[in-house]
Amino acid sequence: MSQAPETESNPSAESALPPRPVLVAAAALSLALVVAVAVLGLTLGGEEPPAREVEPLPLAAVAAPKAGSPECARLMDELPDALKSSGTTLPRRQLADPAPEAAAAWGEQDPVVLRCGVGKPAELKPTSKLVVVDDVRWFPVQDAGTSTWYLVGKPVTVAVTLPGDAGTGVMQDLSKAVAAAMPN
């Protein structure tokens, strides 16, 4: 029994594939879908989540006899909205009522606290070692896990209390504000 030679192509193989225009349309639609998802991902995916609501920070009142001075008022106007600390931005905090006069704070956990018009620390002596930051002199007092830096050589004393892990950027930012508010 001899088989006749095939002169036509295999019809069963061709019928398994959709027509060429359908394949082209499907590929174009797939590509358009991928591009649309990529564009949406780039434009919408980069949004930051909404900021978490931070409660106002309660600060206890301390003796600050010169808090109402013109120097403290100028300093409060010069204070930045944020401080840099070890590569982290610390936003300025709202203070809870009743807020002490001439006080400010930055950061959520272990905030940086500034108080203007306070008295000089008892530890400050004529022979005390000072730290100069951007031409502003400070007297640091170390405590368990914190330090308080007192402004020296200006008409008012400013106290800045820092958590132990605060970076040097905090005092640089605050020294710039002091220099602007109370030039030499």
C-alpha atoms as a PDB file:
ATOM      1  CA  MET A   1       0.000   0.000   0.000  1.00  0.00           C
ATOM      2  CA  SER A   2       1.503   3.138  -1.093  1.00  0.00           C
ATOM      3  CA  GLN A   3       0.704   6.485   0.418  1.00  0.00           C
ATOM      4  CA  ALA A   4       0.127   9.435  -1.742  1.00  0.00           C
ATOM      5  CA  PRO A   5       2.593  12.216  -1.207  1.00  0.00           C
ATOM      6  CA  GLU A   6       1.269  15.154   0.789  1.00  0.00           C
ATOM      7  CA  THR A   7       0.908  18.190  -1.376  1.00  0.00           C
ATOM      8  CA  GLU A   8      -0.867  20.372   1.149  1.00  0.00           C
ATOM      9  CA  SER A   9       0.430  21.429   4.526  1.00  0.00           C
ATOM     10  CA  ASN A  10      -0.848  19.740   7.628  1.00  0.00           C
ATOM     11  CA  PRO A  11      -4.304  21.277   8.200  1.00  0.00           C
ATOM     12  CA  SER A  12      -4.526  20.098  11.832  1.00  0.00           C
ATOM     13  CA  ALA A  13      -1.354  22.033  12.831  1.00  0.00           C
ATOM     14  CA  GLU A  14      -2.616  25.289  11.303  1.00  0.00           C
ATOM     15  CA  SER A  15      -6.040  25.091  12.904  1.00  0.00           C
ATOM     16  CA  ALA A  16      -4.476  24.872  16.409  1.00  0.00           C
ATOM     17  CA  LEU A  17      -3.059  28.419  16.145  1.00  0.00           C
ATOM     18  CA  PRO A  18      -5.260  31.505  16.065  1.00  0.00           C
ATOM     19  CA  PRO A  19      -5.077  33.646  12.936  1.00  0.00           C
ATOM     20  CA  ARG A  20      -2.046  35.952  12.728  1.00  0.00           C
ATOM     21  CA  PRO A  21      -4.025  39.223  13.216  1.00  0.00           C
ATOM     22  CA  VAL A  22      -5.422  37.879  16.508  1.00  0.00           C
ATOM     23  CA  LEU A  23      -1.891  37.045  17.732  1.00  0.00           C
ATOM     24  CA  VAL A  24      -0.618  40.525  16.861  1.00  0.00           C
ATOM     25  CA  ALA A  25      -3.581  42.172  18.611  1.00  0.00           C
ATOM     26  CA  ALA A  26      -3.069  40.039  21.729  1.00  0.00           C
ATOM     27  CA  ALA A  27       0.650  40.915  21.866  1.00  0.00           C
ATOM     28  CA  ALA A  28      -0.091  44.632  21.426  1.00  0.00           C
ATOM     29  CA  LEU A  29      -2.751  44.533  24.158  1.00  0.00           C
ATOM     30  CA  SER A  30      -0.361  42.739  26.538  1.00  0.00           C
ATOM     31  CA  LEU A  31       2.365  45.315  25.886  1.00  0.00           C
ATOM     32  CA  ALA A  32      -0.099  48.188  26.439  1.00  0.00           C
ATOM     33  CA  LEU A  33      -1.193  46.634  29.744  1.00  0.00           C
ATOM     34  CA  VAL A  34       2.425  46.271  30.951  1.00  0.00           C
ATOM     35  CA  VAL A  35       3.186  49.899  30.043  1.00  0.00           C
ATOM     36  CA  ALA A  36       0.027  51.130  31.820  1.00  0.00           C
ATOM     37  CA  VAL A  37       0.883  49.223  35.015  1.00  0.00           C
ATOM     38  CA  ALA A  38       4.469  50.550  34.939  1.00  0.00           C
ATOM     39  CA  VAL A  39       3.310  54.150  34.487  1.00  0.00           C
ATOM     40  CA  LEU A  40       0.779  53.837  37.323  1.00  0.00           C
ATOM     41  CA  GLY A  41       3.397  52.236  39.547  1.00  0.00           C
ATOM     42  CA  LEU A  42       5.843  55.080  38.943  1.00  0.00           C
ATOM     43  CA  THR A  43       3.308  57.858  39.407  1.00  0.00           C
ATOM     44  CA  LEU A  44       1.232  56.449  42.271  1.00  0.00           C
ATOM     45  CA  GLY A  45       3.509  53.910  43.934  1.00  0.00           C
ATOM     46  CA  GLY A  46       6.031  56.482  45.203  1.00  0.00           C
ATOM     47  CA  GLU A  47       3.583  58.240  47.494  1.00  0.00           C
ATOM     48  CA  GLU A  48       4.493  58.273  51.161  1.00  0.00           C
ATOM     49  CA  PRO A  49       1.939  57.064  53.659  1.00  0.00           C
ATOM     50  CA  PRO A  50       0.166  59.871  55.503  1.00  0.00           C
ATOM     51  CA  ALA A  51       2.095  61.268  58.443  1.00  0.00           C
ATOM     52  CA  ARG A  52       1.167  59.821  61.795  1.00  0.00           C
ATOM     53  CA  GLU A  53      -0.577  62.274  64.104  1.00  0.00           C
ATOM     54  CA  VAL A  54       1.810  63.298  66.887  1.00  0.00           C
ATOM     55  CA  GLU A  55       0.333  64.502  70.153  1.00  0.00           C
ATOM     56  CA  PRO A  56       1.511  67.873  71.534  1.00  0.00           C
ATOM     57  CA  LEU A  57       4.471  67.456  73.873  1.00  0.00           C
ATOM     58  CA  PRO A  58       3.880  68.393  77.524  1.00  0.00           C
ATOM     59  CA  LEU A  59       6.815  70.278  79.033  1.00  0.00           C
ATOM     60  CA  ALA A  60       7.093  71.027  82.717  1.00  0.00           C
ATOM     61  CA  ALA A  61       7.655  74.656  83.607  1.00  0.00           C
ATOM     62  CA  VAL A  62      11.126  75.506  84.894  1.00  0.00           C
ATOM     63  CA  ALA A  63      12.499  78.765  86.241  1.00  0.00           C
ATOM     64  CA  ALA A  64      13.275  80.943  83.234  1.00  0.00           C
ATOM     65  CA  PRO A  65      13.405  84.532  84.482  1.00  0.00           C
ATOM     66  CA  LYS A  66      14.505  85.954  81.113  1.00  0.00           C
ATOM     67  CA  ALA A  67      12.148  83.904  78.893  1.00  0.00           C
ATOM     68  CA  GLY A  68      10.242  87.083  78.007  1.00  0.00           C
ATOM     69  CA  SER A  69      13.370  88.949  76.901  1.00  0.00           C
ATOM     70  CA  PRO A  70      13.807  90.371  73.378  1.00  0.00           C
ATOM     71  CA  GLU A  71      16.744  87.973  72.858  1.00  0.00           C
ATOM     72  CA  CYS A  72      14.548  84.942  73.544  1.00  0.00           C
ATOM     73  CA  ALA A  73      11.828  86.315  71.264  1.00  0.00           C
ATOM     74  CA  ARG A  74      14.373  86.737  68.426  1.00  0.00           C
ATOM     75  CA  LEU A  75      15.749  83.241  69.050  1.00  0.00           C
ATOM     76  CA  MET A  76      12.286  81.677  68.934  1.00  0.00           C
ATOM     77  CA  ASP A  77      11.749  83.357  65.542  1.00  0.00           C
ATOM     78  CA  GLU A  78      15.054  81.958  64.233  1.00  0.00           C
ATOM     79  CA  LEU A  79      14.560  78.355  65.337  1.00  0.00           C
ATOM     80  CA  PRO A  80      14.338  75.858  62.473  1.00  0.00           C
ATOM     81  CA  ASP A  81      11.264  73.765  61.674  1.00  0.00           C
ATOM     82  CA  ALA A  82      13.446  70.625  61.737  1.00  0.00           C
ATOM     83  CA  LEU A  83      16.827  69.511  63.077  1.00  0.00           C
ATOM     84  CA  LYS A  84      19.239  66.911  61.676  1.00  0.00           C
ATOM     85  CA  SER A  85      20.334  64.222  64.117  1.00  0.00           C
ATOM     86  CA  SER A  86      22.485  61.282  63.025  1.00  0.00           C
ATOM     87  CA  GLY A  87      21.012  61.337  59.516  1.00  0.00           C
ATOM     88  CA  THR A  88      17.433  61.624  60.776  1.00  0.00           C
ATOM     89  CA  THR A  89      15.203  64.673  60.422  1.00  0.00           C
ATOM     90  CA  LEU A  90      13.542  65.711  63.669  1.00  0.00           C
ATOM     91  CA  PRO A  91      10.446  67.840  63.008  1.00  0.00           C
ATOM     92  CA  ARG A  92       9.545  70.606  65.421  1.00  0.00           C
ATOM     93  CA  ARG A  93       6.887  69.548  67.920  1.00  0.00           C
ATOM     94  CA  GLN A  94       3.830  71.395  69.043  1.00  0.00           C
ATOM     95  CA  LEU A  95       3.900  71.934  72.792  1.00  0.00           C
ATOM     96  CA  ALA A  96       0.927  71.061  74.979  1.00  0.00           C
ATOM     97  CA  ASP A  97      -0.876  73.838  76.813  1.00  0.00           C
ATOM     98  CA  PRO A  98       0.124  75.420  79.034  1.00  0.00           C
ATOM     99  CA  ALA A  99       3.421  75.620  77.131  1.00  0.00           C
ATOM    100  CA  PRO A 100       6.344  77.262  78.909  1.00  0.00           C
ATOM    101  CA  GLU A 101       7.387  80.599  77.447  1.00  0.00           C
ATOM    102  CA  ALA A 102      10.420  80.559  75.104  1.00  0.00           C
ATOM    103  CA  ALA A 103      10.563  76.757  74.822  1.00  0.00           C
ATOM    104  CA  ALA A 104      10.677  74.469  71.771  1.00  0.00           C
ATOM    105  CA  ALA A 105      11.090  70.769  71.041  1.00  0.00           C
ATOM    106  CA  TRP A 106      11.922  68.521  68.072  1.00  0.00           C
ATOM    107  CA  GLY A 107      11.446  64.795  67.475  1.00  0.00           C
ATOM    108  CA  GLU A 108       9.060  62.143  68.768  1.00  0.00           C
ATOM    109  CA  GLN A 109      10.973  59.666  70.927  1.00  0.00           C
ATOM    110  CA  ASP A 110      13.347  61.359  73.374  1.00  0.00           C
ATOM    111  CA  PRO A 111      12.851  64.846  71.922  1.00  0.00           C
ATOM    112  CA  VAL A 112      15.413  67.629  71.798  1.00  0.00           C
ATOM    113  CA  VAL A 113      14.176  70.414  74.119  1.00  0.00           C
ATOM    114  CA  LEU A 114      15.302  74.048  74.055  1.00  0.00           C
ATOM    115  CA  ARG A 115      14.502  76.557  76.798  1.00  0.00           C
ATOM    116  CA  CYS A 116      15.552  80.188  76.553  1.00  0.00           C
ATOM    117  CA  GLY A 117      16.035  82.551  79.503  1.00  0.00           C
ATOM    118  CA  VAL A 118      16.968  79.957  82.100  1.00  0.00           C
ATOM    119  CA  GLY A 119      19.524  80.521  84.860  1.00  0.00           C
ATOM    120  CA  LYS A 120      23.175  79.529  84.582  1.00  0.00           C
ATOM    121  CA  PRO A 121      24.009  75.990  85.766  1.00  0.00           C
ATOM    122  CA  ALA A 122      25.768  75.630  89.126  1.00  0.00           C
ATOM    123  CA  GLU A 123      28.462  73.500  87.404  1.00  0.00           C
ATOM    124  CA  LEU A 124      29.598  76.453  85.234  1.00  0.00           C
ATOM    125  CA  LYS A 125      32.835  77.895  86.623  1.00  0.00           C
ATOM    126  CA  PRO A 126      35.349  80.369  85.149  1.00  0.00           C
ATOM    127  CA  THR A 127      37.631  77.406  84.414  1.00  0.00           C
ATOM    128  CA  SER A 128      34.949  75.181  82.827  1.00  0.00           C
ATOM    129  CA  LYS A 129      35.757  73.717  79.440  1.00  0.00           C
ATOM    130  CA  LEU A 130      33.471  75.023  76.723  1.00  0.00           C
ATOM    131  CA  VAL A 131      32.606  73.599  73.332  1.00  0.00           C
ATOM    132  CA  VAL A 132      32.514  76.044  70.418  1.00  0.00           C
ATOM    133  CA  VAL A 133      30.073  75.216  67.616  1.00  0.00           C
ATOM    134  CA  ASP A 134      30.012  77.662  64.684  1.00  0.00           C
ATOM    135  CA  ASP A 135      31.478  80.455  66.870  1.00  0.00           C
ATOM    136  CA  VAL A 136      28.841  79.891  69.575  1.00  0.00           C
ATOM    137  CA  ARG A 137      30.096  78.772  72.999  1.00  0.00           C
ATOM    138  CA  TRP A 138      28.306  76.014  74.908  1.00  0.00           C
ATOM    139  CA  PHE A 139      28.865  74.345  78.259  1.00  0.00           C
ATOM    140  CA  PRO A 140      27.738  70.689  78.106  1.00  0.00           C
ATOM    141  CA  VAL A 141      26.571  68.890  81.255  1.00  0.00           C
ATOM    142  CA  GLN A 142      26.282  65.103  80.967  1.00  0.00           C
ATOM    143  CA  ASP A 143      23.548  63.195  82.743  1.00  0.00           C
ATOM    144  CA  ALA A 144      22.388  59.566  82.589  1.00  0.00           C
ATOM    145  CA  GLY A 145      21.430  59.083  78.924  1.00  0.00           C
ATOM    146  CA  THR A 146      21.135  62.798  78.128  1.00  0.00           C
ATOM    147  CA  SER A 147      23.180  65.952  78.012  1.00  0.00           C
ATOM    148  CA  THR A 148      22.186  69.570  78.470  1.00  0.00           C
ATOM    149  CA  TRP A 149      24.136  72.243  76.646  1.00  0.00           C
ATOM    150  CA  TYR A 150      24.063  75.760  78.097  1.00  0.00           C
ATOM    151  CA  LEU A 151      24.717  78.829  75.958  1.00  0.00           C
ATOM    152  CA  VAL A 152      27.596  80.904  77.343  1.00  0.00           C
ATOM    153  CA  GLY A 153      28.609  84.512  76.683  1.00  0.00           C
ATOM    154  CA  LYS A 154      25.263  85.867  75.484  1.00  0.00           C
ATOM    155  CA  PRO A 155      22.741  88.150  77.250  1.00  0.00           C
ATOM    156  CA  VAL A 156      20.500  85.163  78.074  1.00  0.00           C
ATOM    157  CA  THR A 157      21.189  81.534  78.914  1.00  0.00           C
ATOM    158  CA  VAL A 158      19.705  78.892  76.639  1.00  0.00           C
ATOM    159  CA  ALA A 159      19.534  75.232  77.695  1.00  0.00           C
ATOM    160  CA  VAL A 160      19.314  72.478  75.066  1.00  0.00           C
ATOM    161  CA  THR A 161      18.631  68.969  76.372  1.00  0.00           C
ATOM    162  CA  LEU A 162      19.612  66.168  73.991  1.00  0.00           C
ATOM    163  CA  PRO A 163      19.078  62.421  74.075  1.00  0.00           C
ATOM    164  CA  GLY A 164      22.273  60.407  74.282  1.00  0.00           C
ATOM    165  CA  ASP A 165      22.106  59.316  70.622  1.00  0.00           C
ATOM    166  CA  ALA A 166      21.692  62.825  69.183  1.00  0.00           C
ATOM    167  CA  GLY A 167      24.156  63.668  66.448  1.00  0.00           C
ATOM    168  CA  THR A 168      26.243  66.815  66.126  1.00  0.00           C
ATOM    169  CA  GLY A 169      23.883  68.296  63.535  1.00  0.00           C
ATOM    170  CA  VAL A 170      21.449  69.327  66.267  1.00  0.00           C
ATOM    171  CA  MET A 171      23.918  71.682  67.931  1.00  0.00           C
ATOM    172  CA  GLN A 172      25.101  72.996  64.557  1.00  0.00           C
ATOM    173  CA  ASP A 173      21.534  73.864  63.534  1.00  0.00           C
ATOM    174  CA  LEU A 174      20.796  75.482  66.890  1.00  0.00           C
ATOM    175  CA  SER A 175      24.102  77.380  66.933  1.00  0.00           C
ATOM    176  CA  LYS A 176      23.193  78.941  63.575  1.00  0.00           C
ATOM    177  CA  ALA A 177      19.871  80.084  65.025  1.00  0.00           C
ATOM    178  CA  VAL A 178      21.599  81.533  68.109  1.00  0.00           C
ATOM    179  CA  ALA A 179      24.166  83.370  65.963  1.00  0.00           C
ATOM    180  CA  ALA A 180      21.384  84.875  63.833  1.00  0.00           C
ATOM    181  CA  ALA A 181      19.292  85.929  66.851  1.00  0.00           C
ATOM    182  CA  MET A 182      22.162  87.145  69.038  1.00  0.00           C
ATOM    183  CA  PRO A 183      25.104  88.285  66.904  1.00  0.00           C
ATOM    184  CA  ASN A 184      28.371  89.133  68.661  1.00  0.00           C
END
